[in-house]
N, C-alpha and C. Protein backbone atom coordinates (compact mmCIF):
# COMPACT_ATOMS: atom_id res chain seq x y z
N MET A 1 148.26 120.38 95.74
CA MET A 1 147.14 119.63 96.28
C MET A 1 146.54 118.75 95.17
N LEU A 2 146.20 117.55 95.47
CA LEU A 2 145.71 116.58 94.50
C LEU A 2 144.37 116.99 93.89
N GLY A 3 143.49 117.61 94.66
CA GLY A 3 142.18 118.04 94.17
C GLY A 3 142.25 119.08 93.07
N GLU A 4 143.35 119.79 92.96
CA GLU A 4 143.51 120.77 91.89
C GLU A 4 143.90 120.11 90.57
N HIS A 5 144.32 118.85 90.60
CA HIS A 5 144.85 118.18 89.42
C HIS A 5 143.96 117.06 88.87
N ILE A 6 143.05 116.55 89.67
CA ILE A 6 142.23 115.40 89.25
C ILE A 6 140.75 115.73 89.44
N ALA A 7 139.95 115.36 88.44
CA ALA A 7 138.49 115.51 88.53
C ALA A 7 137.84 114.19 88.14
N LEU A 8 136.87 113.75 88.90
CA LEU A 8 136.08 112.56 88.58
C LEU A 8 134.65 113.01 88.31
N ARG A 9 134.01 112.38 87.33
CA ARG A 9 132.66 112.79 86.94
C ARG A 9 131.74 111.58 86.86
N GLY A 10 130.50 111.81 87.13
CA GLY A 10 129.49 110.77 86.98
C GLY A 10 128.13 111.41 86.80
N GLY A 11 127.24 110.72 86.11
CA GLY A 11 125.91 111.25 85.89
C GLY A 11 124.95 110.14 85.51
N TYR A 12 123.68 110.49 85.52
CA TYR A 12 122.64 109.54 85.16
C TYR A 12 121.53 110.27 84.43
N VAL A 13 121.06 109.71 83.34
CA VAL A 13 119.91 110.24 82.60
C VAL A 13 118.80 109.21 82.72
N GLY A 14 117.67 109.63 83.24
CA GLY A 14 116.54 108.73 83.38
C GLY A 14 115.32 109.28 82.67
N GLN A 15 114.25 108.56 82.75
CA GLN A 15 113.00 108.98 82.13
C GLN A 15 112.11 109.68 83.14
N ALA A 16 111.45 110.70 82.71
CA ALA A 16 110.48 111.40 83.56
C ALA A 16 109.08 111.16 83.00
N ALA A 17 108.74 109.91 82.75
CA ALA A 17 107.42 109.58 82.21
C ALA A 17 106.36 109.83 83.28
N LEU A 18 105.30 110.50 82.91
CA LEU A 18 104.24 110.82 83.87
C LEU A 18 103.39 109.60 84.21
N ASN A 19 103.28 108.65 83.29
CA ASN A 19 102.56 107.42 83.61
C ASN A 19 103.30 106.23 82.99
N GLU A 20 102.99 105.06 83.42
CA GLU A 20 103.71 103.85 83.00
C GLU A 20 103.58 103.58 81.50
N ALA A 21 102.49 103.98 80.88
CA ALA A 21 102.30 103.74 79.44
C ALA A 21 103.29 104.54 78.60
N ASP A 22 103.79 105.67 79.13
CA ASP A 22 104.76 106.49 78.39
C ASP A 22 106.20 106.07 78.61
N ARG A 23 106.45 105.14 79.51
CA ARG A 23 107.81 104.71 79.83
C ARG A 23 108.37 103.82 78.71
N GLN A 24 109.61 104.05 78.32
CA GLN A 24 110.26 103.27 77.27
C GLN A 24 111.15 102.20 77.91
N PRO A 25 110.86 100.92 77.70
CA PRO A 25 111.67 99.87 78.33
C PRO A 25 113.08 99.77 77.76
N ASP A 26 113.28 100.26 76.54
CA ASP A 26 114.60 100.17 75.92
C ASP A 26 115.23 101.56 75.77
N TYR A 27 115.06 102.42 76.77
CA TYR A 27 115.62 103.77 76.75
C TYR A 27 117.13 103.70 76.52
N LEU A 28 117.65 104.49 75.59
CA LEU A 28 119.02 104.34 75.12
C LEU A 28 120.07 104.70 76.16
N TYR A 29 119.96 105.85 76.81
CA TYR A 29 121.00 106.33 77.72
C TYR A 29 120.69 105.96 79.15
N SER A 30 121.74 105.87 79.97
CA SER A 30 121.53 105.68 81.40
C SER A 30 122.61 106.42 82.18
N TYR A 31 123.78 105.89 82.33
CA TYR A 31 124.80 106.54 83.15
C TYR A 31 125.98 107.02 82.31
N SER A 32 126.71 107.99 82.86
CA SER A 32 127.92 108.50 82.23
C SER A 32 129.02 108.59 83.29
N TYR A 33 130.24 108.64 82.85
CA TYR A 33 131.38 108.62 83.77
C TYR A 33 132.57 109.30 83.10
N GLY A 34 133.54 109.70 83.89
CA GLY A 34 134.71 110.32 83.30
C GLY A 34 135.72 110.76 84.33
N ALA A 35 136.85 111.24 83.83
CA ALA A 35 137.93 111.73 84.69
C ALA A 35 138.73 112.77 83.90
N GLY A 36 139.40 113.62 84.64
CA GLY A 36 140.23 114.63 84.01
C GLY A 36 141.49 114.88 84.81
N LEU A 37 142.55 115.25 84.12
CA LEU A 37 143.82 115.59 84.75
C LEU A 37 144.25 116.97 84.29
N ASN A 38 144.69 117.79 85.22
CA ASN A 38 145.23 119.11 84.91
C ASN A 38 146.65 119.18 85.46
N PHE A 39 147.60 119.58 84.62
CA PHE A 39 148.98 119.68 85.06
C PHE A 39 149.71 120.68 84.17
N LYS A 40 150.96 120.93 84.47
CA LYS A 40 151.75 121.87 83.68
C LYS A 40 152.94 121.15 83.06
N MET A 41 153.25 121.52 81.81
CA MET A 41 154.45 121.06 81.15
C MET A 41 155.32 122.32 80.98
N GLY A 42 156.28 122.49 81.84
CA GLY A 42 157.01 123.75 81.91
C GLY A 42 156.09 124.80 82.49
N ASP A 43 155.85 125.88 81.75
CA ASP A 43 154.91 126.90 82.22
C ASP A 43 153.59 126.85 81.46
N ARG A 44 153.36 125.81 80.64
CA ARG A 44 152.14 125.69 79.85
C ARG A 44 151.14 124.74 80.53
N PRO A 45 149.91 125.22 80.76
CA PRO A 45 148.89 124.32 81.34
C PRO A 45 148.41 123.29 80.32
N LEU A 46 148.26 122.07 80.78
CA LEU A 46 147.72 120.98 79.97
C LEU A 46 146.55 120.37 80.71
N SER A 47 145.58 119.91 79.96
CA SER A 47 144.49 119.14 80.58
C SER A 47 144.12 117.98 79.66
N PHE A 48 143.83 116.86 80.27
CA PHE A 48 143.44 115.65 79.58
C PHE A 48 142.10 115.21 80.17
N ASP A 49 141.10 115.02 79.33
CA ASP A 49 139.78 114.60 79.79
C ASP A 49 139.34 113.34 79.06
N TRP A 50 138.69 112.46 79.78
CA TRP A 50 138.13 111.24 79.23
C TRP A 50 136.72 111.10 79.80
N ALA A 51 135.77 110.72 78.94
CA ALA A 51 134.39 110.53 79.39
C ALA A 51 133.76 109.40 78.61
N GLY A 52 132.80 108.77 79.22
CA GLY A 52 132.07 107.69 78.57
C GLY A 52 130.59 107.77 78.89
N THR A 53 129.78 107.27 77.97
CA THR A 53 128.34 107.22 78.15
C THR A 53 127.87 105.81 77.83
N HIS A 54 127.14 105.22 78.75
CA HIS A 54 126.58 103.89 78.53
C HIS A 54 125.44 104.02 77.54
N MET A 55 125.48 103.22 76.47
CA MET A 55 124.51 103.34 75.38
C MET A 55 123.47 102.23 75.37
N GLY A 56 123.18 101.65 76.49
CA GLY A 56 122.14 100.62 76.56
C GLY A 56 122.58 99.31 75.95
N GLU A 57 121.61 98.50 75.60
CA GLU A 57 121.90 97.16 75.09
C GLU A 57 122.18 97.14 73.59
N PHE A 58 122.03 98.27 72.91
CA PHE A 58 122.15 98.29 71.45
C PHE A 58 123.56 98.55 70.95
N PHE A 59 124.37 99.33 71.70
CA PHE A 59 125.69 99.73 71.24
C PHE A 59 126.70 99.57 72.37
N ASP A 60 127.99 99.61 72.02
CA ASP A 60 129.04 99.70 73.03
C ASP A 60 129.03 101.10 73.62
N ASP A 61 129.69 101.28 74.75
CA ASP A 61 129.77 102.59 75.37
C ASP A 61 130.43 103.60 74.42
N ASN A 62 129.96 104.82 74.47
CA ASN A 62 130.51 105.91 73.66
C ASN A 62 131.62 106.58 74.47
N GLN A 63 132.82 106.70 73.91
CA GLN A 63 133.98 107.25 74.61
C GLN A 63 134.43 108.55 73.96
N GLN A 64 134.81 109.53 74.77
CA GLN A 64 135.35 110.79 74.27
C GLN A 64 136.65 111.09 75.01
N VAL A 65 137.64 111.58 74.27
CA VAL A 65 138.94 111.93 74.85
C VAL A 65 139.33 113.31 74.31
N SER A 66 139.89 114.15 75.19
CA SER A 66 140.37 115.45 74.71
C SER A 66 141.68 115.80 75.42
N LEU A 67 142.50 116.54 74.71
CA LEU A 67 143.76 117.05 75.24
C LEU A 67 143.81 118.53 74.90
N LYS A 68 144.05 119.36 75.92
CA LYS A 68 144.11 120.80 75.71
C LYS A 68 145.47 121.32 76.16
N ILE A 69 146.13 122.07 75.28
CA ILE A 69 147.42 122.68 75.59
C ILE A 69 147.26 124.19 75.39
N ALA A 70 147.55 124.95 76.43
CA ALA A 70 147.44 126.41 76.34
C ALA A 70 148.76 127.00 75.82
N PHE A 71 148.64 128.02 74.97
CA PHE A 71 149.82 128.69 74.43
C PHE A 71 149.87 130.11 74.93
């Protein structure tokens, strides 16, 4: 089944300012996204994950990649 092998991710970080004076117009983080694959190479499980975080107007998006091989 395809749902056992693929995962999609998304998220959002916002501000919980109690009043408008506490709100930061240049808040660094906003949304995140990613995907993952799980499969087997022979009898060994493998997983590959990729994720990104939008870093606002100051930086390029932050990217993370991981590969896991079980022994």
